[in-house]
Amino acid sequence: MERFNSACDGIAEVAFREKTANKLRLQRLVYGEIRARFGLSSQLAIRAISKVCEAYKRDKTIRPRFRPHGAVPYDQRIMSLCP
């Protein structure tokens, strides 16, 4: 959770600097670095990029900030409750 939200902060820095909320453009800019730097799975890296894009779209005049224990979107590719 903390690594995911730290990754979101890093992605938000790039999104704000590049003035982009376009998921595909942002993915090209940060995907490899985010996976390597924060040790996120591919799906978590994609979800982090999406989370940042949605936050940045709300107000493009400020850089989004993410709390260390903020929500992490889970789906069937990230987490399974059955063995």
PDB file of N, CA and C in Angstrom:
ATOM      1  N   MET A   1       0.828  -1.184   0.000  1.00  0.00           N
ATOM      2  CA  MET A   1       0.000   0.000   0.000  1.00  0.00           C
ATOM      3  C   MET A   1       0.879   1.258   0.000  1.00  0.00           C
ATOM      4  N   GLU A   2       1.880   1.263   0.873  1.00  0.00           N
ATOM      5  CA  GLU A   2       2.753   2.437   0.945  1.00  0.00           C
ATOM      6  C   GLU A   2       3.586   2.593  -0.326  1.00  0.00           C
ATOM      7  N   ARG A   3       4.090   1.476  -0.856  1.00  0.00           N
ATOM      8  CA  ARG A   3       4.860   1.551  -2.106  1.00  0.00           C
ATOM      9  C   ARG A   3       3.975   2.015  -3.263  1.00  0.00           C
ATOM     10  N   PHE A   4       2.745   1.514  -3.310  1.00  0.00           N
ATOM     11  CA  PHE A   4       1.809   1.904  -4.360  1.00  0.00           C
ATOM     12  C   PHE A   4       1.566   3.411  -4.326  1.00  0.00           C
ATOM     13  N   ASN A   5       1.285   3.948  -3.152  1.00  0.00           N
ATOM     14  CA  ASN A   5       1.003   5.380  -3.048  1.00  0.00           C
ATOM     15  C   ASN A   5       2.250   6.231  -3.227  1.00  0.00           C
ATOM     16  N   SER A   6       3.413   5.718  -2.866  1.00  0.00           N
ATOM     17  CA  SER A   6       4.664   6.424  -3.171  1.00  0.00           C
ATOM     18  C   SER A   6       4.874   6.472  -4.683  1.00  0.00           C
ATOM     19  N   ALA A   7       4.545   5.366  -5.350  1.00  0.00           N
ATOM     20  CA  ALA A   7       4.637   5.343  -6.810  1.00  0.00           C
ATOM     21  C   ALA A   7       3.686   6.374  -7.412  1.00  0.00           C
ATOM     22  N   CYS A   8       2.488   6.475  -6.855  1.00  0.00           N
ATOM     23  CA  CYS A   8       1.522   7.477  -7.338  1.00  0.00           C
ATOM     24  C   CYS A   8       2.091   8.882  -7.203  1.00  0.00           C
ATOM     25  N   ASP A   9       2.764   9.165  -6.100  1.00  0.00           N
ATOM     26  CA  ASP A   9       3.383  10.485  -5.934  1.00  0.00           C
ATOM     27  C   ASP A   9       4.440  10.733  -7.010  1.00  0.00           C
ATOM     28  N   GLY A  10       5.245   9.724  -7.299  1.00  0.00           N
ATOM     29  CA  GLY A  10       6.259   9.857  -8.348  1.00  0.00           C
ATOM     30  C   GLY A  10       5.638  10.075  -9.720  1.00  0.00           C
ATOM     31  N   ILE A  11       4.585   9.335 -10.007  1.00  0.00           N
ATOM     32  CA  ILE A  11       3.886   9.487 -11.284  1.00  0.00           C
ATOM     33  C   ILE A  11       3.243  10.870 -11.365  1.00  0.00           C
ATOM     34  N   ALA A  12       2.662  11.328 -10.263  1.00  0.00           N
ATOM     35  CA  ALA A  12       2.014  12.643 -10.242  1.00  0.00           C
ATOM     36  C   ALA A  12       3.013  13.757 -10.533  1.00  0.00           C
ATOM     37  N   GLU A  13       4.226  13.596 -10.068  1.00  0.00           N
ATOM     38  CA  GLU A  13       5.262  14.589 -10.343  1.00  0.00           C
ATOM     39  C   GLU A  13       5.507  14.705 -11.845  1.00  0.00           C
ATOM     40  N   VAL A  14       5.583  13.557 -12.510  1.00  0.00           N
ATOM     41  CA  VAL A  14       5.798  13.551 -13.963  1.00  0.00           C
ATOM     42  C   VAL A  14       4.567  14.099 -14.685  1.00  0.00           C
ATOM     43  N   ALA A  15       3.379  13.684 -14.273  1.00  0.00           N
ATOM     44  CA  ALA A  15       2.153  14.160 -14.910  1.00  0.00           C
ATOM     45  C   ALA A  15       2.051  15.677 -14.807  1.00  0.00           C
ATOM     46  N   PHE A  16       2.360  16.223 -13.647  1.00  0.00           N
ATOM     47  CA  PHE A  16       2.283  17.667 -13.449  1.00  0.00           C
ATOM     48  C   PHE A  16       3.350  18.388 -14.273  1.00  0.00           C
ATOM     49  N   ARG A  17       4.558  17.856 -14.264  1.00  0.00           N
ATOM     50  CA  ARG A  17       5.653  18.468 -15.025  1.00  0.00           C
ATOM     51  C   ARG A  17       5.357  18.456 -16.525  1.00  0.00           C
ATOM     52  N   GLU A  18       4.834  17.347 -17.022  1.00  0.00           N
ATOM     53  CA  GLU A  18       4.548  17.203 -18.450  1.00  0.00           C
ATOM     54  C   GLU A  18       3.166  17.723 -18.834  1.00  0.00           C
ATOM     55  N   LYS A  19       2.377  18.118 -17.827  1.00  0.00           N
ATOM     56  CA  LYS A  19       1.017  18.632 -18.056  1.00  0.00           C
ATOM     57  C   LYS A  19       0.176  17.640 -18.867  1.00  0.00           C
ATOM     58  N   THR A  20       0.168  16.381 -18.412  1.00  0.00           N
ATOM     59  CA  THR A  20      -0.604  15.373 -19.115  1.00  0.00           C
ATOM     60  C   THR A  20      -1.402  14.498 -18.156  1.00  0.00           C
ATOM     61  N   ALA A  21      -2.643  14.225 -18.550  1.00  0.00           N
ATOM     62  CA  ALA A  21      -3.493  13.277 -17.836  1.00  0.00           C
ATOM     63  C   ALA A  21      -3.853  12.136 -18.782  1.00  0.00           C
ATOM     64  N   ASN A  22      -3.112  12.029 -19.885  1.00  0.00           N
ATOM     65  CA  ASN A  22      -3.329  10.981 -20.865  1.00  0.00           C
ATOM     66  C   ASN A  22      -2.646   9.696 -20.383  1.00  0.00           C
ATOM     67  N   LYS A  23      -3.432   8.657 -20.145  1.00  0.00           N
ATOM     68  CA  LYS A  23      -2.900   7.416 -19.579  1.00  0.00           C
ATOM     69  C   LYS A  23      -1.820   6.787 -20.451  1.00  0.00           C
ATOM     70  N   LEU A  24      -2.038   6.754 -21.748  1.00  0.00           N
ATOM     71  CA  LEU A  24      -1.057   6.113 -22.630  1.00  0.00           C
ATOM     72  C   LEU A  24       0.257   6.893 -22.680  1.00  0.00           C
ATOM     73  N   ARG A  25       0.161   8.203 -22.760  1.00  0.00           N
ATOM     74  CA  ARG A  25       1.390   9.020 -22.775  1.00  0.00           C
ATOM     75  C   ARG A  25       2.140   8.878 -21.451  1.00  0.00           C
ATOM     76  N   LEU A  26       1.404   8.938 -20.352  1.00  0.00           N
ATOM     77  CA  LEU A  26       2.028   8.818 -19.040  1.00  0.00           C
ATOM     78  C   LEU A  26       2.637   7.430 -18.854  1.00  0.00           C
ATOM     79  N   GLN A  27       1.959   6.416 -19.350  1.00  0.00           N
ATOM     80  CA  GLN A  27       2.487   5.054 -19.250  1.00  0.00           C
ATOM     81  C   GLN A  27       3.824   4.948 -19.970  1.00  0.00           C
ATOM     82  N   ARG A  28       3.926   5.518 -21.164  1.00  0.00           N
ATOM     83  CA  ARG A  28       5.192   5.492 -21.901  1.00  0.00           C
ATOM     84  C   ARG A  28       6.305   6.202 -21.126  1.00  0.00           C
ATOM     85  N   LEU A  29       5.941   7.248 -20.395  1.00  0.00           N
ATOM     86  CA  LEU A  29       6.942   8.033 -19.666  1.00  0.00           C
ATOM     87  C   LEU A  29       7.420   7.365 -18.375  1.00  0.00           C
ATOM     88  N   VAL A  30       6.539   6.632 -17.671  1.00  0.00           N
ATOM     89  CA  VAL A  30       6.887   6.203 -16.314  1.00  0.00           C
ATOM     90  C   VAL A  30       6.850   4.698 -16.040  1.00  0.00           C
ATOM     91  N   TYR A  31       6.239   3.915 -16.890  1.00  0.00           N
ATOM     92  CA  TYR A  31       5.967   2.511 -16.579  1.00  0.00           C
ATOM     93  C   TYR A  31       7.207   1.725 -16.122  1.00  0.00           C
ATOM     94  N   GLY A  32       8.234   1.698 -16.923  1.00  0.00           N
ATOM     95  CA  GLY A  32       9.433   0.920 -16.589  1.00  0.00           C
ATOM     96  C   GLY A  32      10.097   1.383 -15.301  1.00  0.00           C
ATOM     97  N   GLU A  33      10.227   2.673 -15.149  1.00  0.00           N
ATOM     98  CA  GLU A  33      10.863   3.221 -13.949  1.00  0.00           C
ATOM     99  C   GLU A  33      10.050   2.904 -12.697  1.00  0.00           C
ATOM    100  N   ILE A  34       8.743   3.028 -12.778  1.00  0.00           N
ATOM    101  CA  ILE A  34       7.883   2.771 -11.622  1.00  0.00           C
ATOM    102  C   ILE A  34       7.979   1.309 -11.205  1.00  0.00           C
ATOM    103  N   ARG A  35       7.961   0.397 -12.178  1.00  0.00           N
ATOM    104  CA  ARG A  35       8.073  -1.029 -11.841  1.00  0.00           C
ATOM    105  C   ARG A  35       9.407  -1.324 -11.170  1.00  0.00           C
ATOM    106  N   ALA A  36      10.472  -0.777 -11.705  1.00  0.00           N
ATOM    107  CA  ALA A  36      11.796  -1.044 -11.153  1.00  0.00           C
ATOM    108  C   ALA A  36      12.010  -0.352  -9.807  1.00  0.00           C
ATOM    109  N   ARG A  37      11.637   0.890  -9.718  1.00  0.00           N
ATOM    110  CA  ARG A  37      11.899   1.685  -8.512  1.00  0.00           C
ATOM    111  C   ARG A  37      11.059   1.257  -7.313  1.00  0.00           C
ATOM    112  N   PHE A  38       9.805   0.884  -7.551  1.00  0.00           N
ATOM    113  CA  PHE A  38       8.913   0.565  -6.442  1.00  0.00           C
ATOM    114  C   PHE A  38       8.583  -0.923  -6.331  1.00  0.00           C
ATOM    115  N   GLY A  39       9.049  -1.737  -7.268  1.00  0.00           N
ATOM    116  CA  GLY A  39       8.815  -3.168  -7.216  1.00  0.00           C
ATOM    117  C   GLY A  39       7.359  -3.563  -7.380  1.00  0.00           C
ATOM    118  N   LEU A  40       6.607  -2.787  -8.155  1.00  0.00           N
ATOM    119  CA  LEU A  40       5.192  -3.079  -8.353  1.00  0.00           C
ATOM    120  C   LEU A  40       5.005  -4.089  -9.475  1.00  0.00           C
ATOM    121  N   SER A  41       3.958  -4.894  -9.364  1.00  0.00           N
ATOM    122  CA  SER A  41       3.596  -5.788 -10.463  1.00  0.00           C
ATOM    123  C   SER A  41       3.124  -4.930 -11.634  1.00  0.00           C
ATOM    124  N   SER A  42       3.030  -5.533 -12.806  1.00  0.00           N
ATOM    125  CA  SER A  42       2.610  -4.763 -13.978  1.00  0.00           C
ATOM    126  C   SER A  42       1.204  -4.191 -13.789  1.00  0.00           C
ATOM    127  N   GLN A  43       0.293  -4.976 -13.229  1.00  0.00           N
ATOM    128  CA  GLN A  43      -1.077  -4.491 -13.057  1.00  0.00           C
ATOM    129  C   GLN A  43      -1.145  -3.361 -12.024  1.00  0.00           C
ATOM    130  N   LEU A  44      -0.382  -3.462 -10.945  1.00  0.00           N
ATOM    131  CA  LEU A  44      -0.368  -2.376  -9.958  1.00  0.00           C
ATOM    132  C   LEU A  44       0.224  -1.101 -10.556  1.00  0.00           C
ATOM    133  N   ALA A  45       1.231  -1.242 -11.402  1.00  0.00           N
ATOM    134  CA  ALA A  45       1.815  -0.063 -12.051  1.00  0.00           C
ATOM    135  C   ALA A  45       0.776   0.616 -12.944  1.00  0.00           C
ATOM    136  N   ILE A  46       0.025  -0.168 -13.691  1.00  0.00           N
ATOM    137  CA  ILE A  46      -1.018   0.388 -14.562  1.00  0.00           C
ATOM    138  C   ILE A  46      -2.120   1.056 -13.732  1.00  0.00           C
ATOM    139  N   ARG A  47      -2.520   0.423 -12.638  1.00  0.00           N
ATOM    140  CA  ARG A  47      -3.564   0.993 -11.773  1.00  0.00           C
ATOM    141  C   ARG A  47      -3.074   2.294 -11.134  1.00  0.00           C
ATOM    142  N   ALA A  48      -1.785   2.373 -10.773  1.00  0.00           N
ATOM    143  CA  ALA A  48      -1.227   3.603 -10.195  1.00  0.00           C
ATOM    144  C   ALA A  48      -1.273   4.738 -11.220  1.00  0.00           C
ATOM    145  N   ILE A  49      -0.919   4.433 -12.460  1.00  0.00           N
ATOM    146  CA  ILE A  49      -0.969   5.442 -13.523  1.00  0.00           C
ATOM    147  C   ILE A  49      -2.405   5.939 -13.696  1.00  0.00           C
ATOM    148  N   SER A  50      -3.359   5.014 -13.695  1.00  0.00           N
ATOM    149  CA  SER A  50      -4.772   5.400 -13.834  1.00  0.00           C
ATOM    150  C   SER A  50      -5.243   6.263 -12.668  1.00  0.00           C
ATOM    151  N   LYS A  51      -4.835   5.897 -11.456  1.00  0.00           N
ATOM    152  CA  LYS A  51      -5.234   6.661 -10.272  1.00  0.00           C
ATOM    153  C   LYS A  51      -4.719   8.100 -10.360  1.00  0.00           C
ATOM    154  N   VAL A  52      -3.477   8.238 -10.794  1.00  0.00           N
ATOM    155  CA  VAL A  52      -2.901   9.577 -10.932  1.00  0.00           C
ATOM    156  C   VAL A  52      -3.617  10.374 -12.015  1.00  0.00           C
ATOM    157  N   CYS A  53      -3.899   9.757 -13.147  1.00  0.00           N
ATOM    158  CA  CYS A  53      -4.599  10.458 -14.230  1.00  0.00           C
ATOM    159  C   CYS A  53      -5.945  10.981 -13.762  1.00  0.00           C
ATOM    160  N   GLU A  54      -6.685  10.159 -13.051  1.00  0.00           N
ATOM    161  CA  GLU A  54      -7.999  10.597 -12.555  1.00  0.00           C
ATOM    162  C   GLU A  54      -7.860  11.761 -11.569  1.00  0.00           C
ATOM    163  N   ALA A  55      -6.881  11.685 -10.685  1.00  0.00           N
ATOM    164  CA  ALA A  55      -6.673  12.764  -9.710  1.00  0.00           C
ATOM    165  C   ALA A  55      -6.224  14.050 -10.409  1.00  0.00           C
ATOM    166  N   TYR A  56      -5.327  13.937 -11.385  1.00  0.00           N
ATOM    167  CA  TYR A  56      -4.809  15.115 -12.078  1.00  0.00           C
ATOM    168  C   TYR A  56      -5.887  15.774 -12.934  1.00  0.00           C
ATOM    169  N   LYS A  57      -6.786  14.982 -13.508  1.00  0.00           N
ATOM    170  CA  LYS A  57      -7.872  15.536 -14.335  1.00  0.00           C
ATOM    171  C   LYS A  57      -8.799  16.442 -13.528  1.00  0.00           C
ATOM    172  N   ARG A  58      -8.943  16.150 -12.231  1.00  0.00           N
ATOM    173  CA  ARG A  58      -9.859  16.942 -11.400  1.00  0.00           C
ATOM    174  C   ARG A  58      -9.430  18.399 -11.295  1.00  0.00           C
ATOM    175  N   ASP A  59      -8.116  18.631 -11.181  1.00  0.00           N
ATOM    176  CA  ASP A  59      -7.606  20.002 -11.064  1.00  0.00           C
ATOM    177  C   ASP A  59      -6.178  20.028 -11.583  1.00  0.00           C
ATOM    178  N   LYS A  60      -6.014  20.515 -12.798  1.00  0.00           N
ATOM    179  CA  LYS A  60      -4.703  20.507 -13.439  1.00  0.00           C
ATOM    180  C   LYS A  60      -3.795  21.647 -12.969  1.00  0.00           C
ATOM    181  N   THR A  61      -4.269  22.453 -12.036  1.00  0.00           N
ATOM    182  CA  THR A  61      -3.435  23.552 -11.539  1.00  0.00           C
ATOM    183  C   THR A  61      -2.563  23.138 -10.360  1.00  0.00           C
ATOM    184  N   ILE A  62      -2.845  21.961  -9.779  1.00  0.00           N
ATOM    185  CA  ILE A  62      -2.047  21.489  -8.642  1.00  0.00           C
ATOM    186  C   ILE A  62      -1.553  20.069  -8.893  1.00  0.00           C
ATOM    187  N   ARG A  63      -0.435  19.752  -8.269  1.00  0.00           N
ATOM    188  CA  ARG A  63       0.102  18.388  -8.346  1.00  0.00           C
ATOM    189  C   ARG A  63      -0.613  17.530  -7.315  1.00  0.00           C
ATOM    190  N   PRO A  64      -1.216  16.423  -7.744  1.00  0.00           N
ATOM    191  CA  PRO A  64      -1.887  15.547  -6.772  1.00  0.00           C
ATOM    192  C   PRO A  64      -0.895  14.964  -5.765  1.00  0.00           C
ATOM    193  N   ARG A  65      -1.344  14.790  -4.542  1.00  0.00           N
ATOM    194  CA  ARG A  65      -0.552  14.153  -3.479  1.00  0.00           C
ATOM    195  C   ARG A  65      -1.342  12.958  -2.974  1.00  0.00           C
ATOM    196  N   PHE A  66      -0.642  11.908  -2.609  1.00  0.00           N
ATOM    197  CA  PHE A  66      -1.295  10.679  -2.180  1.00  0.00           C
ATOM    198  C   PHE A  66      -0.816  10.282  -0.788  1.00  0.00           C
ATOM    199  N   ARG A  67      -1.769   9.989   0.085  1.00  0.00           N
ATOM    200  CA  ARG A  67      -1.447   9.574   1.452  1.00  0.00           C
ATOM    201  C   ARG A  67      -0.831   8.176   1.439  1.00  0.00           C
ATOM    202  N   PRO A  68       0.100   7.902   2.352  1.00  0.00           N
ATOM    203  CA  PRO A  68       0.759   6.583   2.382  1.00  0.00           C
ATOM    204  C   PRO A  68      -0.217   5.412   2.503  1.00  0.00           C
ATOM    205  N   HIS A  69      -1.324   5.634   3.192  1.00  0.00           N
ATOM    206  CA  HIS A  69      -2.297   4.553   3.378  1.00  0.00           C
ATOM    207  C   HIS A  69      -3.583   4.810   2.602  1.00  0.00           C
ATOM    208  N   GLY A  70      -3.461   5.522   1.482  1.00  0.00           N
ATOM    209  CA  GLY A  70      -4.610   5.784   0.622  1.00  0.00           C
ATOM    210  C   GLY A  70      -5.072   4.516  -0.081  1.00  0.00           C
ATOM    211  N   ALA A  71      -6.239   4.573  -0.659  1.00  0.00           N
ATOM    212  CA  ALA A  71      -6.858   3.411  -1.298  1.00  0.00           C
ATOM    213  C   ALA A  71      -6.011   2.859  -2.441  1.00  0.00           C
ATOM    214  N   VAL A  72      -6.017   1.537  -2.550  1.00  0.00           N
ATOM    215  CA  VAL A  72      -5.383   0.834  -3.653  1.00  0.00           C
ATOM    216  C   VAL A  72      -6.484   0.076  -4.390  1.00  0.00           C
ATOM    217  N   PRO A  73      -6.666   0.347  -5.683  1.00  0.00           N
ATOM    218  CA  PRO A  73      -7.718  -0.365  -6.414  1.00  0.00           C
ATOM    219  C   PRO A  73      -7.278  -1.795  -6.723  1.00  0.00           C
ATOM    220  N   TYR A  74      -8.032  -2.760  -6.264  1.00  0.00           N
ATOM    221  CA  TYR A  74      -7.725  -4.165  -6.519  1.00  0.00           C
ATOM    222  C   TYR A  74      -8.688  -4.717  -7.554  1.00  0.00           C
ATOM    223  N   ASP A  75      -8.204  -5.637  -8.367  1.00  0.00           N
ATOM    224  CA  ASP A  75      -9.052  -6.367  -9.294  1.00  0.00           C
ATOM    225  C   ASP A  75      -8.581  -7.816  -9.324  1.00  0.00           C
ATOM    226  N   GLN A  76      -9.218  -8.643 -10.139  1.00  0.00           N
ATOM    227  CA  GLN A  76      -8.907 -10.070 -10.151  1.00  0.00           C
ATOM    228  C   GLN A  76      -7.482 -10.367 -10.613  1.00  0.00           C
ATOM    229  N   ARG A  77      -6.831  -9.424 -11.301  1.00  0.00           N
ATOM    230  CA  ARG A  77      -5.439  -9.647 -11.740  1.00  0.00           C
ATOM    231  C   ARG A  77      -4.431  -9.286 -10.660  1.00  0.00           C
ATOM    232  N   ILE A  78      -4.886  -8.591  -9.624  1.00  0.00           N
ATOM    233  CA  ILE A  78      -3.982  -8.159  -8.554  1.00  0.00           C
ATOM    234  C   ILE A  78      -4.093  -9.069  -7.338  1.00  0.00           C
ATOM    235  N   MET A  79      -5.308  -9.419  -6.989  1.00  0.00           N
ATOM    236  CA  MET A  79      -5.505 -10.153  -5.732  1.00  0.00           C
ATOM    237  C   MET A  79      -6.629 -11.170  -5.875  1.00  0.00           C
ATOM    238  N   SER A  80      -6.371 -12.350  -5.359  1.00  0.00           N
ATOM    239  CA  SER A  80      -7.389 -13.392  -5.369  1.00  0.00           C
ATOM    240  C   SER A  80      -7.538 -13.892  -3.929  1.00  0.00           C
ATOM    241  N   LEU A  81      -8.767 -14.073  -3.500  1.00  0.00           N
ATOM    242  CA  LEU A  81      -9.020 -14.560  -2.143  1.00  0.00           C
ATOM    243  C   LEU A  81      -9.116 -16.076  -2.078  1.00  0.00           C
ATOM    244  N   CYS A  82      -9.184 -16.728  -3.221  1.00  0.00           N
ATOM    245  CA  CYS A  82      -9.274 -18.186  -3.267  1.00  0.00           C
ATOM    246  C   CYS A  82      -7.940 -18.755  -3.725  1.00  0.00           C
ATOM    247  N   PRO A  83      -7.496 -19.878  -3.119  1.00  0.00           N
ATOM    248  CA  PRO A  83      -6.208 -20.463  -3.528  1.00  0.00           C
ATOM    249  C   PRO A  83      -6.244 -21.076  -4.912  1.00  0.00           C
TER     250      PRO A  83
END
